[in-house]
Protein backbone atom coordinates (compact mmCIF):
# COMPACT_ATOMS: atom_id res chain seq x y z
CA MET A 1 149.00 105.05 82.90
CA ALA A 2 151.59 102.20 82.62
CA SER A 3 153.07 102.35 85.98
CA SER A 4 149.26 102.79 87.94
CA PHE A 5 147.93 100.04 85.94
CA SER A 6 150.92 97.54 85.44
CA HIS A 7 150.13 93.88 86.61
CA PHE A 8 146.40 95.33 87.11
CA TYR A 9 144.58 92.22 86.20
CA LYS A 10 147.11 90.81 89.38
CA ARG A 11 145.74 93.04 92.22
CA ASP A 12 143.38 92.13 94.40
CA THR A 13 139.84 94.07 94.62
CA GLU A 14 140.47 96.63 96.77
CA GLU A 15 143.49 97.55 96.00
CA ARG A 16 142.26 98.11 91.88
CA ARG A 17 139.58 100.18 93.34
CA GLN A 18 141.83 102.42 94.97
CA ILE A 19 143.54 102.77 91.79
CA VAL A 20 140.89 103.28 89.74
CA ALA A 21 139.73 105.91 91.87
CA ASP A 22 142.52 107.95 92.30
CA TRP A 23 142.78 108.04 88.35
CA ALA A 24 139.33 109.58 88.43
CA GLY A 25 139.55 111.11 91.38
CA LEU A 26 136.69 109.77 93.04
CA SER A 27 135.26 110.70 96.31
CA ALA A 28 134.96 109.56 99.53
CA ALA A 29 131.17 108.93 98.90
CA GLN A 30 132.08 107.68 95.71
CA ARG A 31 134.62 105.43 96.72
CA THR A 32 132.59 104.06 99.73
CA GLU A 33 129.69 102.90 97.05
CA LEU A 34 131.78 101.19 95.39
CA THR A 35 133.41 99.35 97.57
CA ALA A 36 129.50 98.43 99.50
CA ARG A 37 128.17 97.23 95.67
CA ALA A 38 131.33 94.72 95.59
CA GLU A 39 130.71 92.01 97.87
CA GLN A 40 127.77 90.32 96.32
CA GLY A 41 127.86 86.67 95.29
CA ASP A 42 130.73 85.50 93.72
CA ALA A 43 130.12 88.19 90.34
CA LYS A 44 133.57 88.76 91.79
CA ASP A 45 134.92 85.59 90.32
CA LEU A 46 133.11 86.08 86.67
CA ILE A 47 135.11 89.05 85.06
CA GLU A 48 138.85 90.21 85.06
CA ASN A 49 139.93 92.84 86.45
CA TYR A 50 136.38 93.19 88.45
CA LEU A 51 136.28 96.97 90.62
CA THR A 52 132.23 96.29 91.80
CA ALA A 53 128.93 95.30 91.32
CA PHE A 54 126.42 96.93 88.90
CA GLN A 55 122.73 96.96 90.73
CA LEU A 56 119.98 96.39 87.81
CA PRO A 57 116.75 96.50 88.70
CA GLU A 58 114.57 92.91 89.37
CA GLY A 59 110.92 92.96 89.00
CA VAL A 60 108.30 89.95 88.30
CA ALA A 61 105.54 90.49 84.63
CA VAL A 62 102.76 88.49 86.41
CA ASN A 63 99.49 87.61 84.23
CA PHE A 64 101.31 85.00 82.26
CA LYS A 65 99.08 82.15 81.07
CA VAL A 66 101.33 79.98 78.57
CA ASN A 67 100.09 76.06 77.95
CA ASP A 68 98.27 76.04 80.20
CA HIS A 69 99.96 76.52 83.05
CA ASP A 70 100.18 80.41 85.27
CA TYR A 71 103.89 82.22 85.40
CA VAL A 72 105.76 84.43 87.04
CA VAL A 73 108.20 85.97 85.33
CA PRO A 74 111.33 87.75 86.72
CA MET A 75 112.31 90.32 84.71
CA VAL A 76 115.84 92.27 84.83
CA THR A 77 115.42 95.87 83.56
CA GLU A 78 116.22 99.56 84.10
CA GLU A 79 113.71 100.29 81.91
CA PRO A 80 110.53 102.05 83.99
CA SER A 81 107.74 100.46 81.68
CA VAL A 82 108.71 97.05 80.56
CA VAL A 83 107.44 95.33 83.30
CA ALA A 84 104.13 96.92 83.69
CA ALA A 85 103.72 96.78 80.05
CA ALA A 86 104.65 92.95 79.65
CA SER A 87 101.97 92.28 82.35
CA ASN A 88 99.47 94.07 80.98
CA GLY A 89 99.62 92.53 77.62
CA ALA A 90 99.78 89.19 79.19
CA LYS A 91 96.71 89.99 81.26
CA THR A 92 94.85 90.45 77.79
CA ILE A 93 96.13 87.21 76.07
CA ALA A 94 95.68 85.25 79.43
CA ASP A 95 91.53 86.79 79.47
CA ALA A 96 91.58 85.46 75.83
CA GLY A 97 93.10 81.86 77.21
CA GLY A 98 96.65 82.37 76.98
CA ILE A 99 100.19 81.95 74.96
CA HIS A 100 100.96 78.48 73.29
CA ALA A 101 104.40 78.01 72.71
CA GLU A 102 106.74 75.60 71.31
CA VAL A 103 110.19 74.43 71.14
CA LYS A 104 110.24 73.23 67.39
CA SER A 105 113.93 73.08 67.52
CA ARG A 106 117.22 73.10 69.52
CA LEU A 107 120.85 72.36 67.77
CA LEU A 108 124.02 75.07 67.72
CA MET A 109 126.09 75.33 64.97
CA GLY A 110 129.22 76.06 64.84
CA GLN A 111 131.71 75.82 62.26
CA ILE A 112 135.09 75.27 60.82
CA VAL A 113 136.67 77.56 58.26
CA LEU A 114 139.06 76.81 55.40
CA SER A 115 141.01 79.25 52.99
CA ASP A 116 142.40 79.11 49.57
CA VAL A 117 140.45 76.26 48.88
CA LYS A 118 140.60 75.70 45.06
CA VAL A 119 138.23 73.35 44.31
CA PHE A 120 135.13 73.28 46.43
CA ALA A 121 134.10 69.53 45.77
CA SER A 122 136.69 68.46 46.72
CA ILE A 123 136.63 69.53 50.33
CA ASP A 124 133.06 68.29 50.30
CA ASP A 125 133.64 65.20 48.81
CA TRP A 126 136.01 64.17 51.86
CA VAL A 127 133.92 65.50 54.25
CA ALA A 128 131.33 62.98 52.79
CA LEU A 129 133.89 60.29 53.33
CA HIS A 130 135.12 61.28 56.70
CA THR A 131 131.86 62.03 58.33
CA ASP A 132 131.76 59.29 60.86
CA GLU A 133 135.66 59.80 62.13
CA LEU A 134 135.02 63.72 62.35
CA LEU A 135 131.85 62.97 64.42
CA ASP A 136 133.45 60.50 66.20
CA ALA A 137 136.13 63.17 66.85
CA ALA A 138 133.91 65.81 68.39
CA ARG A 139 132.51 63.08 70.55
CA LYS A 140 135.55 62.01 71.90
CA ALA A 141 136.40 65.38 72.61
CA HIS A 142 133.76 66.15 75.16
CA PRO A 143 131.89 62.31 76.23
CA THR A 144 130.32 64.16 78.88
CA ILE A 145 127.55 65.63 77.06
CA VAL A 146 127.41 62.26 74.85
CA SER A 147 126.73 60.10 78.43
CA ARG A 148 123.57 62.24 78.54
CA GLY A 149 122.19 62.46 75.28
CA GLY A 150 123.59 64.87 73.60
CA GLY A 151 126.39 65.43 71.46
CA PRO A 152 126.97 65.83 67.68
CA ARG A 153 124.35 65.36 65.69
CA SER A 154 125.23 66.09 61.52
CA LEU A 155 127.91 67.84 59.52
CA ARG A 156 127.29 70.26 56.44
CA THR A 157 129.59 72.16 53.99
CA ARG A 158 129.28 75.63 51.98
CA ASP A 159 130.69 77.09 49.88
CA LEU A 160 131.44 80.73 51.25
CA GLY A 161 133.30 82.15 47.73
CA GLU A 162 136.77 83.69 47.28
CA GLY A 163 138.39 80.32 48.18
CA TYR A 164 136.17 79.68 51.33
CA VAL A 165 134.74 76.96 52.81
CA SER A 166 132.37 75.96 56.20
CA ILE A 167 132.22 72.85 57.39
CA ASP A 168 129.76 73.42 60.17
CA LEU A 169 128.99 71.18 62.66
CA TYR A 170 125.50 70.79 64.75
CA ALA A 171 125.04 69.75 68.18
CA ASP A 172 122.96 68.92 71.11
CA VAL A 173 124.05 70.48 73.86
CA LYS A 174 121.51 69.54 76.36
CA ALA A 175 121.28 72.19 79.01
CA ALA A 176 123.66 73.91 78.35
CA MET A 177 124.35 77.60 76.17
CA GLY A 178 127.22 75.32 75.08
CA ALA A 179 129.89 77.36 73.48
CA ASN A 180 132.45 76.11 75.25
CA MET A 181 131.26 72.82 74.65
CA LEU A 182 130.52 72.97 70.66
CA ASN A 183 134.05 74.76 69.91
CA THR A 184 135.90 72.24 72.06
CA MET A 185 133.97 69.64 69.22
CA LEU A 186 135.05 71.72 66.61
CA GLU A 187 138.99 72.21 68.28
CA ALA A 188 138.78 68.48 67.96
CA MET A 189 137.62 68.07 64.30
CA ALA A 190 139.40 70.52 63.23
CA GLU A 191 143.18 68.34 64.33
CA VAL A 192 141.34 66.03 62.28
CA ILE A 193 140.98 67.74 58.85
CA GLN A 194 144.59 69.45 59.51
CA THR A 195 146.11 65.53 59.62
CA LYS A 196 144.19 63.62 57.46
CA LEU A 197 142.96 66.63 55.00
CA HIS A 198 146.94 68.33 55.18
CA HIS A 199 144.80 72.07 55.02
CA THR A 200 145.29 74.54 57.64
CA THR A 201 142.03 75.95 58.41
CA LEU A 202 141.82 79.47 59.62
CA PHE A 203 139.46 79.18 62.94
CA SER A 204 136.81 77.00 64.71
CA ILE A 205 134.11 78.78 66.29
CA LEU A 206 130.11 78.51 67.07
CA SER A 207 127.68 80.66 65.12
CA ASN A 208 125.89 82.43 67.16
CA THR A 209 123.04 82.30 64.25
CA ALA A 210 120.76 79.56 66.34
CA ASP A 211 118.68 79.45 63.61
CA GLN A 212 117.93 75.52 65.03
CA SER A 213 117.21 76.26 68.07
CA LEU A 214 114.58 77.97 67.95
CA ALA A 215 110.86 78.52 69.86
CA THR A 216 108.00 79.75 69.06
CA ALA A 217 105.07 81.98 70.64
CA THR A 218 100.97 82.52 69.46
CA CYS A 219 98.01 83.63 70.59
CA SER A 220 94.95 84.42 69.13
CA ILE A 221 92.11 87.28 70.86
CA PRO A 222 89.13 87.82 70.33
CA VAL A 223 88.41 91.89 69.17
CA GLY A 224 85.88 91.89 71.95
CA LEU A 225 88.40 92.27 74.02
CA LEU A 226 90.15 95.12 72.65
CA ASP A 227 87.14 97.54 73.16
CA THR A 228 88.38 101.09 74.60
CA ALA A 229 86.80 104.14 75.61
CA ASP A 230 87.18 105.46 72.10
CA GLN A 231 87.47 102.41 69.97
CA SER A 232 86.06 99.30 68.95
CA GLY A 233 88.01 96.28 69.59
CA ALA A 234 87.77 95.23 65.91
CA ASP A 235 89.08 99.00 65.07
CA VAL A 236 91.78 98.40 67.30
CA ALA A 237 92.54 94.68 66.17
CA ASP A 238 92.87 96.35 62.55
CA ARG A 239 95.37 99.21 63.13
CA ILE A 240 97.71 96.50 65.21
CA ALA A 241 97.57 94.37 62.18
CA ALA A 242 98.56 97.12 60.14
CA ALA A 243 100.94 97.93 62.34
CA SER A 244 102.77 94.85 62.10
CA ARG A 245 102.13 95.53 58.52
CA VAL A 246 104.36 98.25 58.39
CA ALA A 247 107.25 96.51 60.23
CA GLN A 248 107.42 93.54 57.60
CA LEU A 249 107.88 96.43 53.78
CA ASP A 250 109.63 99.37 56.80
CA PRO A 251 112.80 98.59 57.66
CA TYR A 252 112.89 101.57 59.65
CA ARG A 253 109.81 100.94 61.49
CA ALA A 254 111.66 97.32 62.38
CA VAL A 255 114.20 98.01 64.52
CA THR A 256 111.96 100.02 66.91
CA HIS A 257 109.76 97.56 66.44
CA ASN A 258 111.99 94.33 67.16
CA LYS A 259 113.65 96.52 70.11
CA GLY A 260 110.21 96.58 72.01
CA ILE A 261 110.32 92.51 71.75
CA MET A 262 113.72 92.70 73.21
CA ASN A 263 113.03 95.12 76.09
CA GLY A 264 111.14 92.36 76.96
CA VAL A 265 113.54 88.81 76.20
CA ASP A 266 116.61 90.70 77.12
CA ALA A 267 115.27 91.13 80.56
CA VAL A 268 114.11 87.78 80.90
CA VAL A 269 117.71 86.29 79.43
CA ILE A 270 119.34 88.36 82.30
CA ALA A 271 117.80 87.37 85.01
CA MET A 272 118.65 84.07 84.12
CA GLY A 273 121.76 84.36 84.09
CA ASN A 274 122.28 83.62 80.21
CA ASP A 275 124.34 85.60 77.09
CA TRP A 276 122.06 88.44 76.37
CA ARG A 277 123.96 89.34 74.02
CA ALA A 278 123.93 86.68 71.86
CA ILE A 279 119.83 86.10 72.14
CA GLU A 280 120.01 89.85 70.51
CA ALA A 281 122.96 89.13 67.87
CA ALA A 282 120.77 85.95 66.92
CA ALA A 283 117.13 87.92 66.94
CA HIS A 284 118.25 90.63 64.24
CA ALA A 285 120.43 88.08 62.28
CA PHE A 286 116.61 85.78 62.05
CA ALA A 287 114.78 89.26 61.46
CA VAL A 288 117.27 89.60 58.34
CA VAL A 289 116.71 85.69 57.10
CA ASP A 290 115.22 86.73 53.81
CA GLY A 291 118.00 89.72 52.57
CA GLN A 292 115.09 92.35 54.41
CA TYR A 293 115.16 92.98 58.02
CA ARG A 294 111.12 93.09 58.93
CA GLY A 295 109.96 92.61 62.43
CA LEU A 296 110.20 88.71 64.01
CA SER A 297 106.47 89.30 64.99
CA THR A 298 103.89 89.07 62.82
CA TRP A 299 99.80 90.28 63.97
CA GLU A 300 96.07 89.74 61.59
CA VAL A 301 93.03 89.33 62.11
CA GLN A 302 91.24 86.29 61.42
CA ASP A 303 87.81 85.42 61.84
CA GLY A 304 86.96 88.09 64.58
CA GLN A 305 90.25 86.93 66.32
CA LEU A 306 93.61 89.45 66.57
CA VAL A 307 96.20 86.17 66.12
CA GLY A 308 99.62 86.71 66.91
CA GLU A 309 102.87 85.07 66.35
CA LEU A 310 106.67 84.96 67.39
CA THR A 311 109.40 82.69 66.63
CA LEU A 312 113.25 83.48 67.71
CA PRO A 313 116.59 81.54 68.16
CA LEU A 314 116.65 81.35 71.67
CA PRO A 315 120.04 78.83 72.38
CA VAL A 316 119.86 79.53 76.21
CA GLY A 317 120.74 76.95 79.12
CA THR A 318 119.58 76.32 82.64
CA VAL A 319 123.35 74.74 83.79
CA GLY A 320 126.77 76.48 83.42
CA GLY A 321 128.58 79.65 83.46
CA ALA A 322 126.79 82.61 84.96
CA THR A 323 123.35 80.37 85.93
CA LYS A 324 125.68 78.43 88.87
CA VAL A 325 127.88 81.48 89.65
CA LEU A 326 125.06 83.87 90.64
CA PRO A 327 123.34 82.63 93.15
CA VAL A 328 119.84 84.32 92.05
CA VAL A 329 119.24 82.97 89.12
CA LYS A 330 118.97 79.78 90.74
CA ILE A 331 115.78 81.55 92.30
CA ASN A 332 114.88 83.19 89.40
CA GLN A 333 114.97 79.65 87.95
CA GLN A 334 112.66 78.29 90.88
CA ILE A 335 110.54 81.33 90.89
CA ALA A 336 109.73 80.80 87.09
CA GLU A 337 109.49 76.85 87.92
CA ILE A 338 111.91 76.55 84.44
CA LYS A 339 113.07 73.06 84.74
CA GLN A 340 115.22 72.70 81.46
CA PRO A 341 115.62 74.88 78.36
CA GLU A 342 112.71 74.27 76.98
CA ASP A 343 110.82 75.45 79.23
CA LEU A 344 112.75 78.92 78.93
CA MET A 345 113.03 78.80 75.63
CA ASN A 346 109.22 78.76 75.84
CA LEU A 347 108.51 81.35 78.50
CA ILE A 348 111.07 83.56 76.92
CA ALA A 349 109.17 83.48 73.38
CA ALA A 350 105.95 84.37 75.31
CA VAL A 351 106.88 87.25 76.89
CA GLY A 352 108.48 88.90 74.10
CA LEU A 353 105.35 88.36 72.10
CA ALA A 354 103.38 89.47 75.43
CA GLN A 355 105.58 92.51 74.97
CA ASN A 356 104.97 93.53 71.61
CA PHE A 357 101.48 93.36 72.13
CA ALA A 358 101.14 95.92 74.70
CA ALA A 359 104.06 97.68 72.78
CA VAL A 360 102.12 97.68 69.56
CA ARG A 361 98.43 98.41 71.57
CA ALA A 362 99.56 101.20 72.98
CA LEU A 363 100.90 102.90 69.51
CA VAL A 364 97.75 102.45 68.21
CA THR A 365 95.29 103.48 70.72
CA ASP A 366 96.75 106.07 72.88
CA GLY A 367 100.28 106.64 71.51
CA ILE A 368 103.64 105.08 73.19
CA GLN A 369 104.42 108.40 75.34
CA LYS A 370 101.14 108.02 77.97
CA GLY A 371 102.65 104.90 79.63
CA HIS A 372 106.38 105.51 79.48
CA MET A 373 105.61 109.04 81.02
CA LYS A 374 103.55 108.03 83.74
CA MET A 375 107.12 105.38 84.62
CA GLN A 376 109.34 107.98 83.60
CA LEU A 377 107.83 110.34 86.08
CA ARG A 378 108.50 107.85 88.70
CA SER A 379 111.89 107.92 87.76
CA LEU A 380 112.07 111.93 87.80
CA ALA A 381 111.10 111.71 91.28
CA LEU A 382 113.29 109.26 91.99
CA SER A 383 115.99 111.25 90.84
CA ALA A 384 115.41 113.71 92.72
CA GLY A 385 115.63 111.84 95.52
CA ALA A 386 111.97 111.30 96.55
CA THR A 387 111.76 108.23 98.47
CA GLY A 388 108.96 105.83 100.11
CA ASN A 389 105.91 108.22 101.00
CA GLU A 390 106.91 111.18 98.91
CA LEU A 391 106.93 108.97 95.52
CA ARG A 392 103.04 108.91 95.47
CA PRO A 393 102.52 113.31 96.25
CA MET A 394 105.38 113.67 94.03
CA VAL A 395 104.81 111.72 90.73
CA ALA A 396 100.67 113.30 91.32
CA TYR A 397 102.57 116.47 91.13
CA LEU A 398 104.88 116.49 88.15
CA LYS A 399 101.61 115.31 86.30
CA THR A 400 99.54 118.41 86.40
CA LEU A 401 103.31 119.55 84.66
CA ASN A 402 103.17 120.45 80.66
CA ASP A 403 107.19 120.09 81.16
CA PRO A 404 108.36 117.93 84.08
CA THR A 405 112.07 118.93 84.84
CA ALA A 406 114.66 118.00 87.27
CA ALA A 407 114.85 121.33 88.44
CA ALA A 408 110.55 121.11 89.27
CA ALA A 409 110.99 118.06 91.14
CA GLU A 410 113.69 118.97 93.29
CA THR A 411 112.38 122.28 94.43
CA LYS A 412 108.82 120.38 95.03
CA LEU A 413 110.44 117.55 96.74
CA LYS A 414 112.20 120.67 99.15
CA GLU A 415 108.86 121.54 99.73
CA LEU A 416 107.14 118.30 100.32
CA ARG A 417 110.06 117.66 102.58
CA THR A 418 109.33 121.10 104.95
CA GLN A 419 105.65 120.40 104.76
CA ILE A 420 106.14 116.92 105.99
CA LYS A 421 108.49 118.16 108.71
CA ASP A 422 105.87 121.35 109.87
CA ASP A 423 102.74 118.86 109.99
CA ASN A 424 104.85 116.45 112.33
CA ASP A 425 106.29 119.28 114.42
CA ALA A 426 102.14 120.71 115.11
CA LYS A 427 101.67 117.26 116.15
CA HIS A 428 104.35 117.64 118.84
């Protein structure tokens, strides 16, 4: 490997593909596939050792009414049932008046960590006396954001124990995701601390906790809208509330409950060119804020209404990073009518709530597999090679099987194509 991959990052894209293809023994068809997907926008400039573009499908969720405005929501995901579930959940909620969403706060926090601190109070007192100087250093490190009304807002110190102390900076990064911006401010402050306090810093970096960048989505659904052929709406509402309560009591259920929420959240975050890993990390940290991992959403029955609420840390941005480099992000922002980060935060929280509602309703009524399997059968038909007009009859056939398999799909597809060919021959 040493010789083949020496100075790999200096090679152009075609050379890198050739080296990797030779290394992995890729076929001519596989090499062609990598090349065909490679030149998609400016993706090649986003990462090092670029090879090709990895395609994920993008769809749109519909039926969303958020703060009395109708939305079409771009979502990027490979899981078949996510977009359908979000649209389905949103429709029921829209029939009840829609989702109300609001941004409670939007600040990022970063930390400068000191080690080998003997007396915490001495650091705490020094920071209190030099707060203005430290904040001024942060402002000077990024004057552009200050000119736009953002910048550093406040400081605090925390005793982490075992001689470690964190000096935390809160900042308003305006429309950006803000990681690089905040890190620049922190490093400028660290220089002041090392020069004036004569104490070496261990590191300076943002925190992805984002517990001061929160959006809350709520809805209220009359139980009558939840009637099914087999269950009354009141019974369905009670079962949804009970399932929600279990997610507050049992971490094992809470993890799956929250995964369902993040199915929708991640899909929107990716479509909007934001860091879905940061959002995942923040969300799961928020789920354990009181010491036990819990469901991020709650559902309760109140006066004949099923009331849902979801609060999420959402340090998203609408400018910079991939939002600028990937052309489709701007298109997606226009589709969803995103003008500022708060719009995006509200919409993501609303999608998370609708996604969760759809999932829990399915779980306590028909069972989660009914909706999942319908979409999975489509994926099975596609994996067998079905295209266009072949999909509908293929899915209809697979529904009749107790145990639909890839082999069965491939066999049926061959039969279907033979039948279509015979029919066409007969016509001529």
